[in-house]
Amino acid sequence: MVPPNPDRVPVSMRRRKCETVTEMEARGWDVLAKCQACGLTTRVNLRHVARIRGPAFSLWNRRARCKRVACPGAAQFLGRAPDMSWHEPLDAPWPEGKPPPA
């Protein structure tokens, strides 16, 4: 059986193996935050996020304030696993049996 092309594996399936920022860092994910208002794109330091928010923190289905001064926009997180060719939004259904954080 031929393995599927990595770019055809839905990001929702990748979430099962990589829920937290600690898991993303360990598996070599590259994560960006892109403002939906001004377009500013910054690289997310996963180790820093884990240190500040805790190792079990998840970026899936989250938004953050834009880092540009005076921009009222929200940044969407985009992730790329090592075998992916491009970044995709970290939007996927919550895993079964695990409620979304408040």
C-alpha atoms as a PDB file:
ATOM      1  CA  MET A   1       0.000   0.000   0.000  1.00  0.00           C
ATOM      2  CA  VAL A   2       1.313   3.425  -0.947  1.00  0.00           C
ATOM      3  CA  PRO A   3       1.354   5.968   1.920  1.00  0.00           C
ATOM      4  CA  PRO A   4      -0.783   9.060   1.298  1.00  0.00           C
ATOM      5  CA  ASN A   5       0.796  12.241   0.019  1.00  0.00           C
ATOM      6  CA  PRO A   6       1.541  14.239   3.240  1.00  0.00           C
ATOM      7  CA  ASP A   7      -0.066  17.345   1.755  1.00  0.00           C
ATOM      8  CA  ARG A   8      -3.346  15.464   1.374  1.00  0.00           C
ATOM      9  CA  VAL A   9      -3.575  14.521   5.058  1.00  0.00           C
ATOM     10  CA  PRO A  10      -6.141  16.894   6.596  1.00  0.00           C
ATOM     11  CA  VAL A  11      -4.865  19.104   9.382  1.00  0.00           C
ATOM     12  CA  SER A  12      -7.688  17.768  11.568  1.00  0.00           C
ATOM     13  CA  MET A  13      -6.071  14.309  11.416  1.00  0.00           C
ATOM     14  CA  ARG A  14      -2.692  15.767  12.348  1.00  0.00           C
ATOM     15  CA  ARG A  15      -4.223  17.307  15.456  1.00  0.00           C
ATOM     16  CA  ARG A  16      -4.719  13.862  17.009  1.00  0.00           C
ATOM     17  CA  LYS A  17      -0.953  13.427  17.332  1.00  0.00           C
ATOM     18  CA  CYS A  18      -0.075  17.035  18.081  1.00  0.00           C
ATOM     19  CA  GLU A  19      -2.496  18.800  20.421  1.00  0.00           C
ATOM     20  CA  THR A  20      -0.207  20.889  22.652  1.00  0.00           C
ATOM     21  CA  VAL A  21       2.543  23.418  22.025  1.00  0.00           C
ATOM     22  CA  THR A  22       5.008  21.020  23.671  1.00  0.00           C
ATOM     23  CA  GLU A  23       4.050  18.237  21.241  1.00  0.00           C
ATOM     24  CA  MET A  24       4.289  20.650  18.308  1.00  0.00           C
ATOM     25  CA  GLU A  25       7.777  21.727  19.332  1.00  0.00           C
ATOM     26  CA  ALA A  26       8.930  18.134  19.891  1.00  0.00           C
ATOM     27  CA  ARG A  27       7.675  17.099  16.445  1.00  0.00           C
ATOM     28  CA  GLY A  28       9.230  20.074  14.658  1.00  0.00           C
ATOM     29  CA  TRP A  29       6.138  22.075  13.718  1.00  0.00           C
ATOM     30  CA  ASP A  30       6.562  25.625  12.409  1.00  0.00           C
ATOM     31  CA  VAL A  31       3.754  27.909  13.614  1.00  0.00           C
ATOM     32  CA  LEU A  32       2.920  31.403  12.395  1.00  0.00           C
ATOM     33  CA  ALA A  33       0.464  34.024  13.641  1.00  0.00           C
ATOM     34  CA  LYS A  34      -1.098  36.059  10.816  1.00  0.00           C
ATOM     35  CA  CYS A  35      -3.267  39.104  11.505  1.00  0.00           C
ATOM     36  CA  GLN A  36      -6.514  38.951   9.589  1.00  0.00           C
ATOM     37  CA  ALA A  37      -6.775  42.776   9.520  1.00  0.00           C
ATOM     38  CA  CYS A  38      -3.303  44.069   8.587  1.00  0.00           C
ATOM     39  CA  GLY A  39      -1.599  40.899   7.357  1.00  0.00           C
ATOM     40  CA  LEU A  40       1.351  41.049   9.787  1.00  0.00           C
ATOM     41  CA  THR A  41       2.845  37.555  10.000  1.00  0.00           C
ATOM     42  CA  THR A  42       5.111  36.504  12.866  1.00  0.00           C
ATOM     43  CA  ARG A  43       6.715  33.208  13.838  1.00  0.00           C
ATOM     44  CA  VAL A  44       5.418  31.705  17.101  1.00  0.00           C
ATOM     45  CA  ASN A  45       8.069  30.637  19.606  1.00  0.00           C
ATOM     46  CA  LEU A  46       6.491  27.402  20.857  1.00  0.00           C
ATOM     47  CA  ARG A  47       8.981  27.013  23.712  1.00  0.00           C
ATOM     48  CA  HIS A  48       8.119  30.510  24.970  1.00  0.00           C
ATOM     49  CA  VAL A  49       4.378  29.815  24.746  1.00  0.00           C
ATOM     50  CA  ALA A  50       4.857  26.580  26.731  1.00  0.00           C
ATOM     51  CA  ARG A  51       6.863  28.429  29.388  1.00  0.00           C
ATOM     52  CA  ILE A  52       4.271  31.218  29.740  1.00  0.00           C
ATOM     53  CA  ARG A  53       0.974  29.326  29.266  1.00  0.00           C
ATOM     54  CA  GLY A  54       2.058  25.831  30.315  1.00  0.00           C
ATOM     55  CA  PRO A  55       3.169  22.732  28.369  1.00  0.00           C
ATOM     56  CA  ALA A  56      -0.415  21.522  27.836  1.00  0.00           C
ATOM     57  CA  PHE A  57      -1.553  24.764  26.168  1.00  0.00           C
ATOM     58  CA  SER A  58      -3.081  24.363  22.705  1.00  0.00           C
ATOM     59  CA  LEU A  59      -3.127  26.837  19.797  1.00  0.00           C
ATOM     60  CA  TRP A  60      -5.853  24.933  17.945  1.00  0.00           C
ATOM     61  CA  ASN A  61      -8.983  27.018  17.260  1.00  0.00           C
ATOM     62  CA  ARG A  62      -7.518  30.076  18.974  1.00  0.00           C
ATOM     63  CA  ARG A  63      -6.865  33.664  17.963  1.00  0.00           C
ATOM     64  CA  ALA A  64      -4.538  36.266  19.485  1.00  0.00           C
ATOM     65  CA  ARG A  65      -4.348  40.045  19.388  1.00  0.00           C
ATOM     66  CA  CYS A  66      -2.222  41.466  16.628  1.00  0.00           C
ATOM     67  CA  LYS A  67       1.288  42.515  17.690  1.00  0.00           C
ATOM     68  CA  ARG A  68       1.353  45.599  15.430  1.00  0.00           C
ATOM     69  CA  VAL A  69       0.917  48.862  17.335  1.00  0.00           C
ATOM     70  CA  ALA A  70      -2.607  50.290  17.005  1.00  0.00           C
ATOM     71  CA  CYS A  71      -3.916  47.353  14.947  1.00  0.00           C
ATOM     72  CA  PRO A  72      -7.267  46.162  16.299  1.00  0.00           C
ATOM     73  CA  GLY A  73      -7.059  42.866  14.403  1.00  0.00           C
ATOM     74  CA  ALA A  74      -6.816  39.278  15.571  1.00  0.00           C
ATOM     75  CA  ALA A  75      -4.120  36.863  14.461  1.00  0.00           C
ATOM     76  CA  GLN A  76      -4.952  33.368  13.282  1.00  0.00           C
ATOM     77  CA  PHE A  77      -2.468  30.566  13.996  1.00  0.00           C
ATOM     78  CA  LEU A  78      -1.113  28.639  10.998  1.00  0.00           C
ATOM     79  CA  GLY A  79       0.884  25.444  11.390  1.00  0.00           C
ATOM     80  CA  ARG A  80       3.168  23.352   9.219  1.00  0.00           C
ATOM     81  CA  ALA A  81       4.331  19.887  10.215  1.00  0.00           C
ATOM     82  CA  PRO A  82       7.784  18.843   8.933  1.00  0.00           C
ATOM     83  CA  ASP A  83       6.280  16.788   6.082  1.00  0.00           C
ATOM     84  CA  MET A  84       3.922  19.547   4.905  1.00  0.00           C
ATOM     85  CA  SER A  85       4.681  21.978   2.057  1.00  0.00           C
ATOM     86  CA  TRP A  86       2.723  24.956   3.413  1.00  0.00           C
ATOM     87  CA  HIS A  87       1.123  26.353   6.569  1.00  0.00           C
ATOM     88  CA  GLU A  88      -2.543  25.612   7.234  1.00  0.00           C
ATOM     89  CA  PRO A  89      -4.911  27.227   9.749  1.00  0.00           C
ATOM     90  CA  LEU A  90      -4.907  25.447  13.092  1.00  0.00           C
ATOM     91  CA  ASP A  91      -8.666  24.997  12.954  1.00  0.00           C
ATOM     92  CA  ALA A  92     -10.027  21.519  13.609  1.00  0.00           C
ATOM     93  CA  PRO A  93     -12.780  19.942  15.687  1.00  0.00           C
ATOM     94  CA  TRP A  94     -12.002  19.420  19.362  1.00  0.00           C
ATOM     95  CA  PRO A  95     -10.955  15.845  20.167  1.00  0.00           C
ATOM     96  CA  GLU A  96     -13.744  13.614  21.453  1.00  0.00           C
ATOM     97  CA  GLY A  97     -14.052  13.493  25.206  1.00  0.00           C
ATOM     98  CA  LYS A  98     -12.060  16.697  25.680  1.00  0.00           C
ATOM     99  CA  PRO A  99     -14.070  19.890  26.162  1.00  0.00           C
ATOM    100  CA  PRO A 100     -12.731  23.131  24.705  1.00  0.00           C
ATOM    101  CA  PRO A 101     -10.987  25.398  27.243  1.00  0.00           C
ATOM    102  CA  ALA A 102     -12.994  28.240  28.716  1.00  0.00           C
END
